[in-house]
């Protein structure tokens, strides 16, 4: 059985339907994990993530990690039961009233006590060795950040074979891109880095998307960003922007055309990127 399948019992389900024994189990496991002197901070961001957060916390609560850990949450002023889930599972959390991934990630970073920070998404499930493998990468000399891979949860609308082909092509492109432009290969749901450098740099809050890549670009000035290909660090998540493109084939086609136009960038480094007007947060 796939490691994540048991967590699907509460994935895409309202919190009111969650079995109490699972909530108590998650709470007990997290209490045992929490360290007063963490080497790594794992912060979850969530905005109206009631149907995903418990499953994410359940997966994290069963991590196998030799390093001292703290798990904290950020509620981006949700309108559902996101905050209640943090409380029920005994997770210390902070409320960020300014809405965006950038503000939420920055809130988690600013409250991180660990030498390393792993800022993850509440709609994603993480394998038992995820945190340990990411910290192993960060512990190597000269490394300031690490990014790993992710898969999509199979469903009736996406064939197993289609997903594997799509993911294999994407993974290959990200790997090739990571040599010269690692900042383009990172994704916030699978990104870890040294806390002090990220706190110096900060996280952009004036853009709609891409705050993770911009952070990576800044971190690159302090050291190396590594691309973790270990399958034991591969998370699983929902379809996000892939689902927004319609069919998997259409999403694949759109991305292939886009990457072919930018293929020259695989072989050159870049120190700065120009913001697209459409990606800037409009000032009120």
C-alpha atoms as a PDB file:
ATOM      1  CA  UNK A   1       0.000   0.000   0.000  1.00  0.00           C
ATOM      2  CA  UNK A   2       1.224   3.525  -0.765  1.00  0.00           C
ATOM      3  CA  UNK A   3       2.413   5.252   2.416  1.00  0.00           C
ATOM      4  CA  UNK A   4      -0.092   8.106   2.093  1.00  0.00           C
ATOM      5  CA  UNK A   5      -3.293   6.122   1.507  1.00  0.00           C
ATOM      6  CA  UNK A   6      -4.393   5.960   5.127  1.00  0.00           C
ATOM      7  CA  UNK A   7      -4.280   9.754   5.375  1.00  0.00           C
ATOM      8  CA  UNK A   8      -6.847   9.986   2.586  1.00  0.00           C
ATOM      9  CA  UNK A   9      -9.459   8.915   5.161  1.00  0.00           C
ATOM     10  CA  UNK A  10      -9.634  12.555   6.242  1.00  0.00           C
ATOM     11  CA  UNK A  11      -8.367  14.294   3.100  1.00  0.00           C
ATOM     12  CA  UNK A  12     -11.022  16.387   1.319  1.00  0.00           C
ATOM     13  CA  UNK A  13     -13.340  15.804   4.287  1.00  0.00           C
ATOM     14  CA  UNK A  14     -14.845  18.446   6.607  1.00  0.00           C
ATOM     15  CA  UNK A  15     -13.374  18.487  10.111  1.00  0.00           C
ATOM     16  CA  UNK A  16     -16.752  17.572  11.607  1.00  0.00           C
ATOM     17  CA  UNK A  17     -16.448  14.125  10.000  1.00  0.00           C
ATOM     18  CA  UNK A  18     -12.968  13.410  11.354  1.00  0.00           C
ATOM     19  CA  UNK A  19     -12.880  10.453  13.807  1.00  0.00           C
ATOM     20  CA  UNK A  20     -11.938  11.623  17.307  1.00  0.00           C
ATOM     21  CA  UNK A  21      -9.442   8.790  17.707  1.00  0.00           C
ATOM     22  CA  UNK A  22      -7.461  10.095  14.727  1.00  0.00           C
ATOM     23  CA  UNK A  23      -7.448  13.647  16.128  1.00  0.00           C
ATOM     24  CA  UNK A  24      -6.223  12.361  19.495  1.00  0.00           C
ATOM     25  CA  UNK A  25      -3.558  10.213  17.845  1.00  0.00           C
ATOM     26  CA  UNK A  26      -2.252  13.184  15.848  1.00  0.00           C
ATOM     27  CA  UNK A  27      -2.235  15.354  18.977  1.00  0.00           C
ATOM     28  CA  UNK A  28      -0.320  12.761  20.998  1.00  0.00           C
ATOM     29  CA  UNK A  29       2.231  12.164  18.238  1.00  0.00           C
ATOM     30  CA  UNK A  30       2.878  15.879  17.722  1.00  0.00           C
ATOM     31  CA  UNK A  31       3.299  16.438  21.475  1.00  0.00           C
ATOM     32  CA  UNK A  32       6.016  13.757  21.506  1.00  0.00           C
ATOM     33  CA  UNK A  33       7.795  15.358  18.540  1.00  0.00           C
ATOM     34  CA  UNK A  34       7.859  18.949  19.808  1.00  0.00           C
ATOM     35  CA  UNK A  35      11.294  20.064  21.024  1.00  0.00           C
ATOM     36  CA  UNK A  36      12.146  23.088  23.164  1.00  0.00           C
ATOM     37  CA  UNK A  37      15.474  23.337  21.352  1.00  0.00           C
ATOM     38  CA  UNK A  38      14.658  22.472  17.719  1.00  0.00           C
ATOM     39  CA  UNK A  39      17.231  22.137  14.981  1.00  0.00           C
ATOM     40  CA  UNK A  40      14.460  22.416  12.393  1.00  0.00           C
ATOM     41  CA  UNK A  41      11.168  24.301  12.367  1.00  0.00           C
ATOM     42  CA  UNK A  42       8.344  22.908  10.251  1.00  0.00           C
ATOM     43  CA  UNK A  43       5.698  25.569   9.665  1.00  0.00           C
ATOM     44  CA  UNK A  44       2.399  24.908   7.922  1.00  0.00           C
ATOM     45  CA  UNK A  45       0.524  27.689   6.184  1.00  0.00           C
ATOM     46  CA  UNK A  46      -3.210  27.455   5.718  1.00  0.00           C
ATOM     47  CA  UNK A  47      -6.054  29.546   4.359  1.00  0.00           C
ATOM     48  CA  UNK A  48      -9.420  27.762   4.487  1.00  0.00           C
ATOM     49  CA  UNK A  49      -7.649  24.389   4.537  1.00  0.00           C
ATOM     50  CA  UNK A  50     -10.151  22.588   6.775  1.00  0.00           C
ATOM     51  CA  UNK A  51     -10.470  19.678   4.345  1.00  0.00           C
ATOM     52  CA  UNK A  52      -6.711  19.109   4.064  1.00  0.00           C
ATOM     53  CA  UNK A  53      -4.962  20.290   7.221  1.00  0.00           C
ATOM     54  CA  UNK A  54      -5.726  17.310   9.454  1.00  0.00           C
ATOM     55  CA  UNK A  55      -4.390  14.864   6.853  1.00  0.00           C
ATOM     56  CA  UNK A  56      -1.225  16.947   6.493  1.00  0.00           C
ATOM     57  CA  UNK A  57      -0.716  17.068  10.262  1.00  0.00           C
ATOM     58  CA  UNK A  58      -1.377  13.339  10.522  1.00  0.00           C
ATOM     59  CA  UNK A  59       1.370  12.628   8.015  1.00  0.00           C
ATOM     60  CA  UNK A  60       3.798  14.978   9.795  1.00  0.00           C
ATOM     61  CA  UNK A  61       2.954  13.508  13.193  1.00  0.00           C
ATOM     62  CA  UNK A  62       4.279  10.154  12.029  1.00  0.00           C
ATOM     63  CA  UNK A  63       7.616  11.468  10.784  1.00  0.00           C
ATOM     64  CA  UNK A  64      10.771   9.487  11.532  1.00  0.00           C
ATOM     65  CA  UNK A  65      13.418  12.099  12.248  1.00  0.00           C
ATOM     66  CA  UNK A  66      16.657  11.919  14.236  1.00  0.00           C
ATOM     67  CA  UNK A  67      16.778  15.712  14.590  1.00  0.00           C
ATOM     68  CA  UNK A  68      14.887  17.784  17.206  1.00  0.00           C
ATOM     69  CA  UNK A  69      11.831  19.361  15.579  1.00  0.00           C
ATOM     70  CA  UNK A  70       9.165  21.948  16.266  1.00  0.00           C
ATOM     71  CA  UNK A  71       5.902  22.087  14.320  1.00  0.00           C
ATOM     72  CA  UNK A  72       4.046  25.404  14.156  1.00  0.00           C
ATOM     73  CA  UNK A  73       1.107  26.662  12.125  1.00  0.00           C
ATOM     74  CA  UNK A  74       0.020  29.840  10.369  1.00  0.00           C
ATOM     75  CA  UNK A  75      -3.662  30.586   9.901  1.00  0.00           C
ATOM     76  CA  UNK A  76      -4.066  33.191   7.171  1.00  0.00           C
ATOM     77  CA  UNK A  77      -7.282  34.409   8.858  1.00  0.00           C
ATOM     78  CA  UNK A  78      -9.346  31.524   7.530  1.00  0.00           C
ATOM     79  CA  UNK A  79     -13.141  31.565   7.419  1.00  0.00           C
ATOM     80  CA  UNK A  80     -13.486  27.836   8.111  1.00  0.00           C
ATOM     81  CA  UNK A  81     -12.198  25.519  10.874  1.00  0.00           C
ATOM     82  CA  UNK A  82      -8.478  25.772  10.045  1.00  0.00           C
ATOM     83  CA  UNK A  83      -7.601  27.419  13.378  1.00  0.00           C
ATOM     84  CA  UNK A  84      -9.755  24.910  15.278  1.00  0.00           C
ATOM     85  CA  UNK A  85      -7.779  22.030  13.761  1.00  0.00           C
ATOM     86  CA  UNK A  86      -4.472  23.523  14.908  1.00  0.00           C
ATOM     87  CA  UNK A  87      -5.931  23.840  18.404  1.00  0.00           C
ATOM     88  CA  UNK A  88      -7.417  20.334  18.445  1.00  0.00           C
ATOM     89  CA  UNK A  89      -4.066  18.845  17.403  1.00  0.00           C
ATOM     90  CA  UNK A  90      -2.076  20.876  19.909  1.00  0.00           C
ATOM     91  CA  UNK A  91      -0.131  22.817  17.277  1.00  0.00           C
ATOM     92  CA  UNK A  92       1.008  26.328  18.286  1.00  0.00           C
ATOM     93  CA  UNK A  93      -0.159  28.687  15.553  1.00  0.00           C
ATOM     94  CA  UNK A  94      -0.092  32.332  14.574  1.00  0.00           C
ATOM     95  CA  UNK A  95      -2.786  34.315  12.783  1.00  0.00           C
ATOM     96  CA  UNK A  96      -1.622  36.318   9.771  1.00  0.00           C
ATOM     97  CA  UNK A  97      -4.252  38.892   8.852  1.00  0.00           C
ATOM     98  CA  UNK A  98      -2.671  39.964   5.563  1.00  0.00           C
ATOM     99  CA  UNK A  99      -3.739  37.483   2.909  1.00  0.00           C
ATOM    100  CA  UNK A 100      -1.247  35.837   0.540  1.00  0.00           C
ATOM    101  CA  UNK A 101       1.197  32.929   0.468  1.00  0.00           C
ATOM    102  CA  UNK A 102       3.988  35.466   0.859  1.00  0.00           C
ATOM    103  CA  UNK A 103       2.619  36.929   4.096  1.00  0.00           C
ATOM    104  CA  UNK A 104       1.792  33.457   5.456  1.00  0.00           C
ATOM    105  CA  UNK A 105       5.230  32.034   4.656  1.00  0.00           C
ATOM    106  CA  UNK A 106       6.910  35.113   6.113  1.00  0.00           C
ATOM    107  CA  UNK A 107       4.905  34.730   9.320  1.00  0.00           C
ATOM    108  CA  UNK A 108       6.097  31.134   9.683  1.00  0.00           C
ATOM    109  CA  UNK A 109       9.687  32.142   8.978  1.00  0.00           C
ATOM    110  CA  UNK A 110       9.634  34.987  11.502  1.00  0.00           C
ATOM    111  CA  UNK A 111       8.477  32.626  14.263  1.00  0.00           C
ATOM    112  CA  UNK A 112      10.871  29.799  13.408  1.00  0.00           C
ATOM    113  CA  UNK A 113      13.349  28.910  16.168  1.00  0.00           C
ATOM    114  CA  UNK A 114      15.211  26.183  14.313  1.00  0.00           C
ATOM    115  CA  UNK A 115      18.502  26.567  12.449  1.00  0.00           C
ATOM    116  CA  UNK A 116      16.607  25.217   9.448  1.00  0.00           C
ATOM    117  CA  UNK A 117      13.112  26.080   8.261  1.00  0.00           C
ATOM    118  CA  UNK A 118      10.750  23.907   6.256  1.00  0.00           C
ATOM    119  CA  UNK A 119       7.677  25.921   5.260  1.00  0.00           C
ATOM    120  CA  UNK A 120       5.072  23.589   3.800  1.00  0.00           C
ATOM    121  CA  UNK A 121       1.546  23.637   2.397  1.00  0.00           C
ATOM    122  CA  UNK A 122      -1.447  22.288   4.292  1.00  0.00           C
ATOM    123  CA  UNK A 123      -2.923  20.502   1.265  1.00  0.00           C
ATOM    124  CA  UNK A 124       0.142  18.271   0.928  1.00  0.00           C
ATOM    125  CA  UNK A 125       1.099  14.950   2.559  1.00  0.00           C
ATOM    126  CA  UNK A 126       4.675  14.192   3.564  1.00  0.00           C
ATOM    127  CA  UNK A 127       6.415  10.799   3.836  1.00  0.00           C
ATOM    128  CA  UNK A 128       7.957   9.688   7.161  1.00  0.00           C
ATOM    129  CA  UNK A 129      11.570  10.470   6.224  1.00  0.00           C
ATOM    130  CA  UNK A 130      10.871  13.794   4.494  1.00  0.00           C
ATOM    131  CA  UNK A 131      12.075  16.157   7.212  1.00  0.00           C
ATOM    132  CA  UNK A 132      15.156  14.082   8.053  1.00  0.00           C
ATOM    133  CA  UNK A 133      16.250  13.814   4.416  1.00  0.00           C
ATOM    134  CA  UNK A 134      15.840  17.541   3.851  1.00  0.00           C
ATOM    135  CA  UNK A 135      17.871  18.351   6.971  1.00  0.00           C
ATOM    136  CA  UNK A 136      20.525  15.835   5.905  1.00  0.00           C
ATOM    137  CA  UNK A 137      20.914  17.873   2.706  1.00  0.00           C
ATOM    138  CA  UNK A 138      21.100  21.167   4.607  1.00  0.00           C
ATOM    139  CA  UNK A 139      23.729  19.810   6.988  1.00  0.00           C
ATOM    140  CA  UNK A 140      26.239  19.509   4.152  1.00  0.00           C
ATOM    141  CA  UNK A 141      28.897  22.203   3.965  1.00  0.00           C
ATOM    142  CA  UNK A 142      28.046  25.138   1.719  1.00  0.00           C
ATOM    143  CA  UNK A 143      24.362  24.214   1.288  1.00  0.00           C
ATOM    144  CA  UNK A 144      21.814  26.914   2.156  1.00  0.00           C
ATOM    145  CA  UNK A 145      18.636  25.413   0.707  1.00  0.00           C
ATOM    146  CA  UNK A 146      17.144  22.204  -0.627  1.00  0.00           C
ATOM    147  CA  UNK A 147      14.158  21.419  -2.797  1.00  0.00           C
ATOM    148  CA  UNK A 148      12.624  17.991  -3.383  1.00  0.00           C
ATOM    149  CA  UNK A 149       9.994  16.418  -5.632  1.00  0.00           C
ATOM    150  CA  UNK A 150       6.270  15.804  -5.379  1.00  0.00           C
ATOM    151  CA  UNK A 151       3.569  13.673  -6.951  1.00  0.00           C
ATOM    152  CA  UNK A 152      -0.170  14.100  -7.395  1.00  0.00           C
ATOM    153  CA  UNK A 153      -2.783  12.028  -5.610  1.00  0.00           C
ATOM    154  CA  UNK A 154      -4.345   9.721  -8.222  1.00  0.00           C
ATOM    155  CA  UNK A 155      -8.080  10.115  -8.743  1.00  0.00           C
ATOM    156  CA  UNK A 156     -10.761   9.086 -11.210  1.00  0.00           C
ATOM    157  CA  UNK A 157     -10.018  12.050 -13.487  1.00  0.00           C
ATOM    158  CA  UNK A 158      -6.288  11.322 -13.890  1.00  0.00           C
ATOM    159  CA  UNK A 159      -4.888   8.002 -15.038  1.00  0.00           C
ATOM    160  CA  UNK A 160      -2.005   6.437 -13.121  1.00  0.00           C
ATOM    161  CA  UNK A 161       0.062   6.121 -16.300  1.00  0.00           C
ATOM    162  CA  UNK A 162      -0.680   9.672 -17.400  1.00  0.00           C
ATOM    163  CA  UNK A 163       0.431  11.028 -14.036  1.00  0.00           C
ATOM    164  CA  UNK A 164       3.670   9.023 -14.131  1.00  0.00           C
ATOM    165  CA  UNK A 165       4.559  10.299 -17.610  1.00  0.00           C
ATOM    166  CA  UNK A 166       3.716  13.873 -16.654  1.00  0.00           C
ATOM    167  CA  UNK A 167       5.694  13.714 -13.412  1.00  0.00           C
ATOM    168  CA  UNK A 168       8.706  12.046 -15.045  1.00  0.00           C
ATOM    169  CA  UNK A 169       8.920  14.771 -17.701  1.00  0.00           C
ATOM    170  CA  UNK A 170       8.501  17.528 -15.118  1.00  0.00           C
ATOM    171  CA  UNK A 171      11.076  15.984 -12.766  1.00  0.00           C
ATOM    172  CA  UNK A 172      13.630  15.732 -15.563  1.00  0.00           C
ATOM    173  CA  UNK A 173      13.133  19.367 -16.511  1.00  0.00           C
ATOM    174  CA  UNK A 174      13.419  20.545 -12.886  1.00  0.00           C
ATOM    175  CA  UNK A 175      16.595  18.510 -12.416  1.00  0.00           C
ATOM    176  CA  UNK A 176      18.244  19.906 -15.561  1.00  0.00           C
ATOM    177  CA  UNK A 177      17.159  23.413 -14.611  1.00  0.00           C
ATOM    178  CA  UNK A 178      18.559  23.050 -11.087  1.00  0.00           C
ATOM    179  CA  UNK A 179      22.195  23.104 -12.263  1.00  0.00           C
ATOM    180  CA  UNK A 180      22.203  26.695 -13.518  1.00  0.00           C
ATOM    181  CA  UNK A 181      18.901  28.105 -12.270  1.00  0.00           C
ATOM    182  CA  UNK A 182      17.936  26.258  -9.095  1.00  0.00           C
ATOM    183  CA  UNK A 183      15.679  29.161  -8.109  1.00  0.00           C
ATOM    184  CA  UNK A 184      13.304  28.101 -10.893  1.00  0.00           C
ATOM    185  CA  UNK A 185      13.196  24.496  -9.714  1.00  0.00           C
ATOM    186  CA  UNK A 186      12.081  25.115  -6.136  1.00  0.00           C
ATOM    187  CA  UNK A 187       8.453  24.940  -5.048  1.00  0.00           C
ATOM    188  CA  UNK A 188       7.170  26.180  -1.722  1.00  0.00           C
ATOM    189  CA  UNK A 189       5.535  22.881  -0.796  1.00  0.00           C
ATOM    190  CA  UNK A 190       8.915  21.068  -0.866  1.00  0.00           C
ATOM    191  CA  UNK A 191      11.456  23.761   0.073  1.00  0.00           C
ATOM    192  CA  UNK A 192      13.822  23.912   3.061  1.00  0.00           C
ATOM    193  CA  UNK A 193      16.528  26.409   3.921  1.00  0.00           C
ATOM    194  CA  UNK A 194      18.743  27.991   6.571  1.00  0.00           C
ATOM    195  CA  UNK A 195      16.584  30.194   8.753  1.00  0.00           C
ATOM    196  CA  UNK A 196      19.040  33.031   9.434  1.00  0.00           C
ATOM    197  CA  UNK A 197      19.749  33.702   5.756  1.00  0.00           C
ATOM    198  CA  UNK A 198      16.051  33.623   4.862  1.00  0.00           C
ATOM    199  CA  UNK A 199      15.265  35.992   7.723  1.00  0.00           C
ATOM    200  CA  UNK A 200      17.904  38.381   6.417  1.00  0.00           C
ATOM    201  CA  UNK A 201      16.433  38.212   2.938  1.00  0.00           C
ATOM    202  CA  UNK A 202      12.769  38.090   3.877  1.00  0.00           C
ATOM    203  CA  UNK A 203       9.958  36.772   1.685  1.00  0.00           C
ATOM    204  CA  UNK A 204       8.289  38.971  -0.898  1.00  0.00           C
ATOM    205  CA  UNK A 205       4.694  39.881  -0.226  1.00  0.00           C
ATOM    206  CA  UNK A 206       4.155  42.169  -3.216  1.00  0.00           C
ATOM    207  CA  UNK A 207       3.789  39.369  -5.782  1.00  0.00           C
ATOM    208  CA  UNK A 208       0.931  36.923  -6.335  1.00  0.00           C
ATOM    209  CA  UNK A 209       3.108  33.858  -6.935  1.00  0.00           C
ATOM    210  CA  UNK A 210       6.804  33.049  -7.123  1.00  0.00           C
ATOM    211  CA  UNK A 211       7.785  34.147  -3.610  1.00  0.00           C
ATOM    212  CA  UNK A 212       9.538  30.797  -3.142  1.00  0.00           C
ATOM    213  CA  UNK A 213      11.635  31.214  -6.294  1.00  0.00           C
ATOM    214  CA  UNK A 214      12.570  34.779  -5.382  1.00  0.00           C
ATOM    215  CA  UNK A 215      13.660  33.640  -1.925  1.00  0.00           C
ATOM    216  CA  UNK A 216      15.786  30.927  -3.545  1.00  0.00           C
ATOM    217  CA  UNK A 217      17.370  33.512  -5.843  1.00  0.00           C
ATOM    218  CA  UNK A 218      18.437  35.555  -2.819  1.00  0.00           C
ATOM    219  CA  UNK A 219      19.620  32.516  -0.863  1.00  0.00           C
ATOM    220  CA  UNK A 220      21.809  31.532  -3.803  1.00  0.00           C
ATOM    221  CA  UNK A 221      24.149  34.401  -2.901  1.00  0.00           C
ATOM    222  CA  UNK A 222      24.944  32.670   0.418  1.00  0.00           C
ATOM    223  CA  UNK A 223      25.636  29.165  -0.878  1.00  0.00           C
ATOM    224  CA  UNK A 224      24.388  26.184  -2.837  1.00  0.00           C
ATOM    225  CA  UNK A 225      20.796  25.081  -3.463  1.00  0.00           C
ATOM    226  CA  UNK A 226      20.560  21.318  -3.849  1.00  0.00           C
ATOM    227  CA  UNK A 227      17.905  19.323  -5.672  1.00  0.00           C
ATOM    228  CA  UNK A 228      16.866  16.270  -3.623  1.00  0.00           C
ATOM    229  CA  UNK A 229      15.799  13.366  -5.837  1.00  0.00           C
ATOM    230  CA  UNK A 230      15.438  10.771  -3.069  1.00  0.00           C
ATOM    231  CA  UNK A 231      12.044   9.105  -3.526  1.00  0.00           C
ATOM    232  CA  UNK A 232      11.667   8.877   0.258  1.00  0.00           C
ATOM    233  CA  UNK A 233      11.367  12.679   0.270  1.00  0.00           C
ATOM    234  CA  UNK A 234       8.668  12.842  -2.415  1.00  0.00           C
ATOM    235  CA  UNK A 235       5.510  14.500  -1.115  1.00  0.00           C
ATOM    236  CA  UNK A 236       2.032  14.054  -2.595  1.00  0.00           C
ATOM    237  CA  UNK A 237      -0.486  16.825  -3.164  1.00  0.00           C
ATOM    238  CA  UNK A 238      -3.625  17.953  -4.965  1.00  0.00           C
ATOM    239  CA  UNK A 239      -3.689  19.291  -8.508  1.00  0.00           C
ATOM    240  CA  UNK A 240      -3.479  23.072  -7.949  1.00  0.00           C
ATOM    241  CA  UNK A 241      -2.503  24.934 -11.113  1.00  0.00           C
ATOM    242  CA  UNK A 242      -2.332  21.655 -13.031  1.00  0.00           C
ATOM    243  CA  UNK A 243      -6.039  21.152 -12.422  1.00  0.00           C
ATOM    244  CA  UNK A 244      -6.734  24.743 -13.467  1.00  0.00           C
ATOM    245  CA  UNK A 245      -5.470  23.941 -16.968  1.00  0.00           C
ATOM    246  CA  UNK A 246      -8.202  21.369 -17.556  1.00  0.00           C
ATOM    247  CA  UNK A 247      -7.034  17.916 -18.624  1.00  0.00           C
ATOM    248  CA  UNK A 248      -3.620  16.536 -17.735  1.00  0.00           C
ATOM    249  CA  UNK A 249      -2.750  16.440 -21.436  1.00  0.00           C
ATOM    250  CA  UNK A 250      -3.611  20.099 -21.862  1.00  0.00           C
ATOM    251  CA  UNK A 251      -1.544  21.025 -18.827  1.00  0.00           C
ATOM    252  CA  UNK A 252       1.366  18.980 -20.212  1.00  0.00           C
ATOM    253  CA  UNK A 253       1.070  20.677 -23.609  1.00  0.00           C
ATOM    254  CA  UNK A 254       1.002  24.174 -22.110  1.00  0.00           C
ATOM    255  CA  UNK A 255       4.087  23.491 -20.029  1.00  0.00           C
ATOM    256  CA  UNK A 256       6.046  21.837 -22.833  1.00  0.00           C
ATOM    257  CA  UNK A 257       5.458  24.802 -25.140  1.00  0.00           C
ATOM    258  CA  UNK A 258       6.443  27.220 -22.385  1.00  0.00           C
ATOM    259  CA  UNK A 259       9.631  25.306 -21.487  1.00  0.00           C
ATOM    260  CA  UNK A 260      10.715  24.954 -25.114  1.00  0.00           C
ATOM    261  CA  UNK A 261      10.569  28.730 -25.487  1.00  0.00           C
ATOM    262  CA  UNK A 262      12.844  29.061 -22.465  1.00  0.00           C
ATOM    263  CA  UNK A 263      15.189  26.147 -23.191  1.00  0.00           C
ATOM    264  CA  UNK A 264      18.202  28.425 -23.588  1.00  0.00           C
ATOM    265  CA  UNK A 265      17.876  29.350 -19.942  1.00  0.00           C
ATOM    266  CA  UNK A 266      18.884  25.841 -18.893  1.00  0.00           C
ATOM    267  CA  UNK A 267      22.484  26.626 -19.788  1.00  0.00           C
ATOM    268  CA  UNK A 268      22.938  30.109 -18.298  1.00  0.00           C
ATOM    269  CA  UNK A 269      22.840  31.518 -14.790  1.00  0.00           C
ATOM    270  CA  UNK A 270      20.730  34.541 -13.950  1.00  0.00           C
ATOM    271  CA  UNK A 271      21.049  37.036 -11.100  1.00  0.00           C
ATOM    272  CA  UNK A 272      17.764  38.872 -11.451  1.00  0.00           C
ATOM    273  CA  UNK A 273      14.339  38.582 -13.046  1.00  0.00           C
ATOM    274  CA  UNK A 274      11.935  41.233 -14.200  1.00  0.00           C
ATOM    275  CA  UNK A 275       8.529  41.212 -12.512  1.00  0.00           C
ATOM    276  CA  UNK A 276       5.523  40.728 -14.749  1.00  0.00           C
ATOM    277  CA  UNK A 277       2.903  43.396 -14.207  1.00  0.00           C
ATOM    278  CA  UNK A 278       0.173  40.743 -13.959  1.00  0.00           C
ATOM    279  CA  UNK A 279       1.983  39.110 -11.016  1.00  0.00           C
ATOM    280  CA  UNK A 280       2.253  42.228  -8.883  1.00  0.00           C
ATOM    281  CA  UNK A 281      -0.171  42.709  -6.003  1.00  0.00           C
ATOM    282  CA  UNK A 282      -2.244  45.766  -6.771  1.00  0.00           C
ATOM    283  CA  UNK A 283      -1.890  48.424  -4.087  1.00  0.00           C
ATOM    284  CA  UNK A 284      -5.137  49.657  -2.590  1.00  0.00           C
END
